Structure formats: C-alpha cells, structure tokens
Amino acid sequence: MSPADGQFVDPTSRNRGPVISGEPVERSKDFVKSLERGLAVIRALGSSSDPMTLSEVAARAGIPRAAARRFLITLSELAYVESDGRLFRLTPRVMELGYGYLSGLSLPDLALPHVERLVNDTKQPSEGAILDADEIVYIFRVPGPYIMSSNVNVGARMPAHATALGKMLLAGLEEDDLSQYLAETEFDAFTERTVTDPKRLREDIDQVREQGYALVDQELEPGLCAIAVPIRTRSDDEPVAINVSSSIVHHSPESMVEVILPALQLTADQISADLAGAGV
C-alpha cells in the first residue's frame, strides 16, 4: 500500500534493490539492511541546513520513527550527530566519511560538477588553465551548446598574453617573474586588438590585479570575448584560473561583466571551498 493510502511504506523493508526495466533487482544475501537505514538517516540530516525533529528524520529517510531514533542515538554516541533533545543535526565529524574519497580526487575531478552547472546556467563554455612559461595549458573544459571556432581540448596551449585565463594567471606572478616575462617574451598579434606592447600589457595586468578578474575582447580571435577569475589553492600549489568565453553575438564585454562574472565568481568560490575541504 502506498503512502497515499494512509499506510507507511518502509522502502527498506524488502530485500530488493532498484527497479530496472520494471523488474526489482534482488539484493545480495550479504546485504546489510541496517547499514542502509543508517546511511539513509545521515543523508536525511544532510539534506537540510536546519536541524530536524525525529519525525522529520524518519519521514525523510523513509524508515519508522523507532528505527530512526535508534540510529540517531547511535550516531550521537559516535559524535556524528548532535541534539538538544528534540532537534538533530550533523556534526563536522561526518566529513570524515567522505574525506578519503575527496582526498583522492584531482582538481579537475572536483571542479567539473561545478563547471557543468556554470555552463548549464550561462549557456557558454568554460575552461580552467595553469600557466607554463608564456603559455596557458588547459586542465579542464566543459563545452557550451554553441559551436565555436576556438574550441580547445584539455592539454592544449594558448598564448597567455592574448587570453583572459593567461592575463589572470600573469596577474598572480611575483613582480620579478612578471618583469622577466614581459622583458623576454615575444608577443604575437592574433587580431588587430591583441595587446603586444609590454608596457600596455603590464597596465592590463595591473588592472586585473586591482579588479580581480581579466576580460579579453577579441584579442585571440575576432568575435570572441572571455572573462576569467582565479581559483584559490594552497599557496605552494600551481595557480589556476577559470573562464567563460562567448561570441559577441551572445554577450558583449559589458554583458560578460554584468551577467557572466557573478556566476563565474560563485563557481570559483565553490571549487576553492571543495579544494580546501579535500586538501587537494
């Protein structure tokens, strides 16, 4: 009988797994149902930022109140849950359960779910890159719905001086390293807008440092603009930046700042927080 019929249905009461093609999949004979229920309680508490009552936990986890109570008491004694006697919430210790997995992830692994949401929201492609001498190297990429002639693959290289990612990464260099880069690099012009004068390029980089983002308007390719921000990593790690690029048909430089930049900054903050939490 379904909940709509007025009866509580315990989804863990049968020794069955998910339904595939209309047929339930039998659980292994070694399946531990109590562990499944305990994890359901943790997921229920993690689904809300607010503390939950016993009844709310039981309903969210899909188990009887008596079972939910036993699991909450157990989790409390193990210090994964705290309670004032009526309301329950997870403690920071629950992060230990995922730390082993998170610590094994690379930066692209952690970044991609956030970048995919960014691309879905903005409908524009996004890339991440590091700096290698006078070039950037792409370390992750999520394409947008529109075909762009500047599509690149992970591992591809582009000149730093003509890209938003590059200018953002150059802005993070120590002053001596930046001076050496400007003095020793030959700056090719890819369009009539490409900045090739070292003095002008330094001015651009100073502006990037001041405003916290880099905006490039058709310097790498006609009709293409891009905006980039840094991803915060540990001080001894390779600097990383993330961008969103767009055809000027869809976004002007002004629109990139007004519309795209807030979403890009939020994504960079989310990736930075995951990196800090995972110790990557």
Protein backbone atom coordinates (compact mmCIF):
# COMPACT_ATOMS: atom_id res chain seq x y z
CA MET A 1 0.00 0.00 0.00
CA SER A 2 1.31 3.46 -0.85
CA PRO A 3 1.60 6.49 1.48
CA ALA A 4 -1.38 7.96 -0.34
CA ASP A 5 -3.47 5.08 1.02
CA GLY A 6 -2.73 6.19 4.56
CA GLN A 7 -0.19 3.48 5.37
CA PHE A 8 3.51 3.99 5.96
CA VAL A 9 5.68 2.16 3.45
CA ASP A 10 9.22 1.31 4.51
CA PRO A 11 11.28 1.26 1.28
CA THR A 12 13.99 -0.77 3.02
CA SER A 13 11.63 -3.46 4.28
CA ARG A 14 12.11 -5.69 1.27
CA ASN A 15 15.32 -7.33 0.22
CA ARG A 16 15.25 -5.61 -3.14
CA GLY A 17 17.33 -3.05 -4.95
CA PRO A 18 16.40 -0.54 -7.65
CA VAL A 19 13.85 -1.33 -10.30
CA ILE A 20 15.31 -1.87 -13.76
CA SER A 21 13.01 -2.27 -16.77
CA GLY A 22 10.06 -2.79 -14.43
CA GLU A 23 11.67 -5.69 -12.52
CA PRO A 24 13.12 -5.21 -8.99
CA VAL A 25 16.70 -6.32 -8.58
CA GLU A 26 17.27 -8.72 -5.68
CA ARG A 27 19.76 -7.63 -3.03
CA SER A 28 22.77 -9.77 -2.28
CA LYS A 29 22.25 -12.25 0.56
CA ASP A 30 25.04 -10.39 2.37
CA PHE A 31 23.27 -7.04 2.08
CA VAL A 32 23.18 -5.25 5.47
CA LYS A 33 19.82 -3.53 5.72
CA SER A 34 20.63 -1.76 8.98
CA LEU A 35 23.62 -0.05 7.35
CA GLU A 36 21.36 1.11 4.51
CA ARG A 37 18.99 2.62 7.07
CA GLY A 38 21.80 4.29 9.00
CA LEU A 39 23.10 5.90 5.82
CA ALA A 40 19.55 6.99 4.97
CA VAL A 41 19.43 8.84 8.30
CA ILE A 42 22.73 10.60 7.55
CA ARG A 43 21.52 11.57 4.08
CA ALA A 44 18.25 12.83 5.56
CA LEU A 45 20.07 15.10 8.02
CA GLY A 46 22.41 16.26 5.27
CA SER A 47 19.54 17.24 3.01
CA SER A 48 18.74 20.33 5.10
CA SER A 49 20.81 23.05 6.70
CA ASP A 50 18.27 23.28 9.53
CA PRO A 51 18.06 20.88 12.49
CA MET A 52 15.37 18.21 12.15
CA THR A 53 12.98 16.51 14.56
CA LEU A 54 12.85 12.74 14.96
CA SER A 55 9.65 12.62 12.92
CA GLU A 56 11.21 14.69 10.13
CA VAL A 57 14.28 12.46 10.00
CA ALA A 58 12.15 9.32 9.89
CA ALA A 59 9.96 10.71 7.11
CA ARG A 60 12.91 11.96 5.07
CA ALA A 61 14.83 8.70 5.49
CA GLY A 62 11.73 6.57 4.79
CA ILE A 63 12.00 4.47 7.95
CA PRO A 64 9.85 4.05 11.10
CA ARG A 65 10.32 6.53 13.97
CA ALA A 66 11.53 3.80 16.32
CA ALA A 67 14.28 2.79 13.90
CA ALA A 68 15.23 6.41 13.24
CA ARG A 69 15.51 7.00 16.99
CA ARG A 70 17.91 4.08 17.45
CA PHE A 71 20.12 5.25 14.59
CA LEU A 72 20.14 8.85 15.86
CA ILE A 73 21.16 7.69 19.35
CA THR A 74 23.95 5.56 17.86
CA LEU A 75 25.19 8.38 15.63
CA SER A 76 25.07 10.78 18.58
CA GLU A 77 27.20 8.47 20.73
CA LEU A 78 29.67 8.23 17.83
CA ALA A 79 29.71 12.07 17.64
CA TYR A 80 28.36 12.22 14.09
CA VAL A 81 25.10 13.80 15.29
CA GLU A 82 24.33 16.36 17.99
CA SER A 83 20.97 17.08 19.60
CA ASP A 84 19.30 19.35 22.14
CA GLY A 85 16.88 16.57 22.98
CA ARG A 86 14.35 17.46 20.29
CA LEU A 87 16.25 18.63 17.22
CA PHE A 88 19.09 16.76 15.49
CA ARG A 89 21.88 17.94 13.20
CA LEU A 90 25.07 16.50 11.75
CA THR A 91 28.41 17.44 13.28
CA PRO A 92 31.59 18.30 11.33
CA ARG A 93 32.87 14.82 12.14
CA VAL A 94 30.63 13.42 9.40
CA MET A 95 33.08 14.94 6.91
CA GLU A 96 35.47 12.12 7.83
CA LEU A 97 33.20 9.72 5.96
CA GLY A 98 33.92 11.40 2.64
CA TYR A 99 37.44 12.64 3.21
CA GLY A 100 39.15 9.53 1.86
CA TYR A 101 37.25 9.82 -1.40
CA LEU A 102 37.71 13.57 -1.72
CA SER A 103 41.42 13.43 -0.98
CA GLY A 104 41.87 11.03 -3.88
CA LEU A 105 40.31 13.43 -6.37
CA SER A 106 42.28 15.77 -8.61
CA LEU A 107 41.41 19.42 -9.12
CA PRO A 108 39.59 18.73 -12.42
CA ASP A 109 37.56 15.97 -10.74
CA LEU A 110 36.39 18.39 -8.06
CA ALA A 111 35.87 21.28 -10.45
CA LEU A 112 33.86 19.59 -13.20
CA PRO A 113 30.48 19.28 -11.41
CA HIS A 114 30.59 23.00 -10.59
CA VAL A 115 31.74 23.93 -14.10
CA GLU A 116 28.98 21.85 -15.66
CA ARG A 117 26.40 23.79 -13.64
CA LEU A 118 28.04 27.06 -14.68
CA VAL A 119 27.87 26.11 -18.36
CA ASN A 120 24.27 24.97 -17.99
CA ASP A 121 23.34 28.31 -16.38
CA THR A 122 25.28 30.60 -18.74
CA LYS A 123 24.94 28.53 -21.93
CA GLN A 124 28.62 29.33 -22.64
CA PRO A 125 31.76 27.15 -22.49
CA SER A 126 34.13 27.25 -19.55
CA GLU A 127 37.77 26.23 -19.19
CA GLY A 128 40.39 26.04 -16.47
CA ALA A 129 44.11 26.52 -17.03
CA ILE A 130 47.54 26.83 -15.46
CA LEU A 131 50.49 28.91 -16.62
CA ASP A 132 53.52 27.29 -18.26
CA ALA A 133 56.18 29.85 -19.24
CA ASP A 134 54.47 32.17 -21.75
CA GLU A 135 51.51 29.86 -22.46
CA ILE A 136 48.46 28.59 -20.66
CA VAL A 137 47.65 24.87 -20.53
CA TYR A 138 44.02 23.79 -20.30
CA ILE A 139 43.40 21.33 -17.46
CA PHE A 140 39.61 21.04 -17.72
CA ARG A 141 36.91 22.14 -20.13
CA VAL A 142 33.12 21.94 -20.47
CA PRO A 143 31.78 22.94 -23.90
CA GLY A 144 28.67 25.06 -24.34
CA PRO A 145 25.68 24.45 -26.61
CA TYR A 146 27.04 26.68 -29.39
CA ILE A 147 29.75 25.67 -31.86
CA MET A 148 32.75 27.97 -31.53
CA SER A 149 35.78 28.04 -33.79
CA SER A 150 38.10 28.39 -30.78
CA ASN A 151 37.14 25.04 -29.25
CA VAL A 152 40.11 23.54 -27.42
CA ASN A 153 40.88 20.26 -25.71
CA VAL A 154 42.40 19.51 -22.34
CA GLY A 155 46.19 19.78 -22.68
CA ALA A 156 46.00 22.37 -25.45
CA ARG A 157 48.12 25.51 -25.18
CA MET A 158 47.37 29.14 -25.93
CA PRO A 159 49.47 32.33 -25.65
CA ALA A 160 49.00 33.83 -22.20
CA HIS A 161 49.06 37.46 -23.30
CA ALA A 162 46.04 37.09 -25.62
CA THR A 163 43.70 35.17 -23.31
CA ALA A 164 41.67 36.08 -20.23
CA LEU A 165 42.97 32.99 -18.45
CA GLY A 166 46.53 33.99 -19.27
CA LYS A 167 46.16 37.56 -18.04
CA MET A 168 44.54 36.33 -14.85
CA LEU A 169 47.40 33.91 -14.23
CA LEU A 170 50.03 36.52 -15.13
CA ALA A 171 48.45 38.83 -12.57
CA GLY A 172 49.28 36.24 -9.93
CA LEU A 173 53.01 36.22 -10.68
CA GLU A 174 55.55 37.76 -8.34
CA GLU A 175 56.74 41.12 -9.61
CA ASP A 176 60.20 39.86 -10.59
CA ASP A 177 58.70 36.96 -12.53
CA LEU A 178 56.25 39.24 -14.31
CA SER A 179 59.03 41.69 -15.25
CA GLN A 180 61.09 38.83 -16.66
CA TYR A 181 58.10 37.56 -18.65
CA LEU A 182 57.44 41.00 -20.15
CA ALA A 183 61.09 41.53 -20.99
CA GLU A 184 61.80 38.15 -22.59
CA THR A 185 58.56 37.19 -24.36
CA GLU A 186 57.73 37.92 -28.00
CA PHE A 187 54.08 38.92 -28.22
CA ASP A 188 52.40 37.90 -31.46
CA ALA A 189 49.32 39.69 -32.71
CA PHE A 190 46.38 37.37 -33.44
CA THR A 191 43.89 40.12 -34.20
CA GLU A 192 44.10 43.89 -34.51
CA ARG A 193 43.03 44.05 -30.86
CA THR A 194 45.81 41.87 -29.46
CA VAL A 195 47.93 43.74 -26.93
CA THR A 196 51.57 43.25 -27.94
CA ASP A 197 53.24 46.25 -26.29
CA PRO A 198 54.84 45.16 -22.96
CA LYS A 199 54.03 48.48 -21.30
CA ARG A 200 50.38 48.27 -22.28
CA LEU A 201 50.26 44.62 -21.24
CA ARG A 202 51.61 45.50 -17.79
CA GLU A 203 48.88 48.12 -17.47
CA ASP A 204 46.29 45.49 -18.34
CA ILE A 205 47.72 43.10 -15.76
CA ASP A 206 47.79 45.82 -13.09
CA GLN A 207 44.13 46.45 -13.82
CA VAL A 208 43.39 42.73 -13.49
CA ARG A 209 45.10 42.70 -10.10
CA GLU A 210 43.02 45.66 -8.98
CA GLN A 211 39.61 44.44 -10.17
CA GLY A 212 40.08 40.71 -9.51
CA TYR A 213 39.13 39.48 -12.96
CA ALA A 214 40.50 39.53 -16.52
CA LEU A 215 38.42 40.49 -19.53
CA VAL A 216 39.67 39.98 -23.07
CA ASP A 217 37.76 41.39 -26.03
CA GLN A 218 38.64 39.75 -29.36
CA GLU A 219 42.38 39.60 -28.72
CA LEU A 220 42.76 35.92 -29.59
CA GLU A 221 40.09 35.63 -32.25
CA PRO A 222 37.68 38.07 -33.90
CA GLY A 223 34.23 37.91 -32.37
CA LEU A 224 35.38 36.07 -29.23
CA CYS A 225 35.49 37.56 -25.75
CA ALA A 226 36.27 35.88 -22.44
CA ILE A 227 36.35 36.62 -18.73
CA ALA A 228 38.44 34.82 -16.10
CA VAL A 229 38.87 34.72 -12.31
CA PRO A 230 41.31 32.84 -10.06
CA ILE A 231 40.62 29.62 -8.18
CA ARG A 232 42.09 29.77 -4.69
CA THR A 233 44.52 26.95 -3.99
CA ARG A 234 47.19 26.38 -1.36
CA SER A 235 49.99 28.93 -1.56
CA ASP A 236 52.51 26.34 -2.74
CA ASP A 237 50.26 24.97 -5.49
CA GLU A 238 50.23 25.87 -9.17
CA PRO A 239 47.96 28.93 -9.72
CA VAL A 240 44.73 28.05 -11.51
CA ALA A 241 42.17 30.24 -13.27
CA ILE A 242 38.73 29.57 -14.70
CA ASN A 243 36.97 31.41 -17.50
CA VAL A 244 33.80 31.68 -19.53
CA SER A 245 34.13 32.53 -23.21
CA SER A 246 31.44 33.74 -25.57
CA SER A 247 30.79 35.01 -29.05
CA ILE A 248 29.98 38.73 -29.05
CA VAL A 249 26.75 37.68 -30.74
CA HIS A 250 25.62 36.33 -27.37
CA HIS A 251 27.48 38.60 -24.93
CA SER A 252 29.21 41.93 -25.24
CA PRO A 253 32.18 42.66 -22.96
CA GLU A 254 29.83 44.71 -20.77
CA SER A 255 27.40 41.81 -20.59
CA MET A 256 30.22 39.45 -19.65
CA VAL A 257 30.92 41.59 -16.58
CA GLU A 258 27.30 42.20 -15.64
CA VAL A 259 25.81 38.78 -16.36
CA ILE A 260 28.58 36.17 -16.51
CA LEU A 261 31.06 37.41 -13.89
CA PRO A 262 28.85 36.85 -10.80
CA ALA A 263 28.14 33.24 -11.78
CA LEU A 264 31.81 32.68 -12.63
CA GLN A 265 32.98 34.05 -9.28
CA LEU A 266 30.49 31.87 -7.42
CA THR A 267 31.74 28.79 -9.26
CA ALA A 268 35.37 29.66 -8.49
CA ASP A 269 34.46 30.07 -4.80
CA GLN A 270 32.70 26.70 -4.75
CA ILE A 271 35.67 24.95 -6.35
CA SER A 272 38.06 26.69 -3.94
CA ALA A 273 35.96 25.54 -0.97
CA ASP A 274 35.97 21.94 -2.22
CA LEU A 275 39.72 22.07 -2.73
CA ALA A 276 40.24 23.32 0.81
CA GLY A 277 37.92 20.70 2.24
CA ALA A 278 39.55 17.86 0.33
CA GLY A 279 43.12 19.01 0.87
CA VAL A 280 43.74 18.76 -2.88
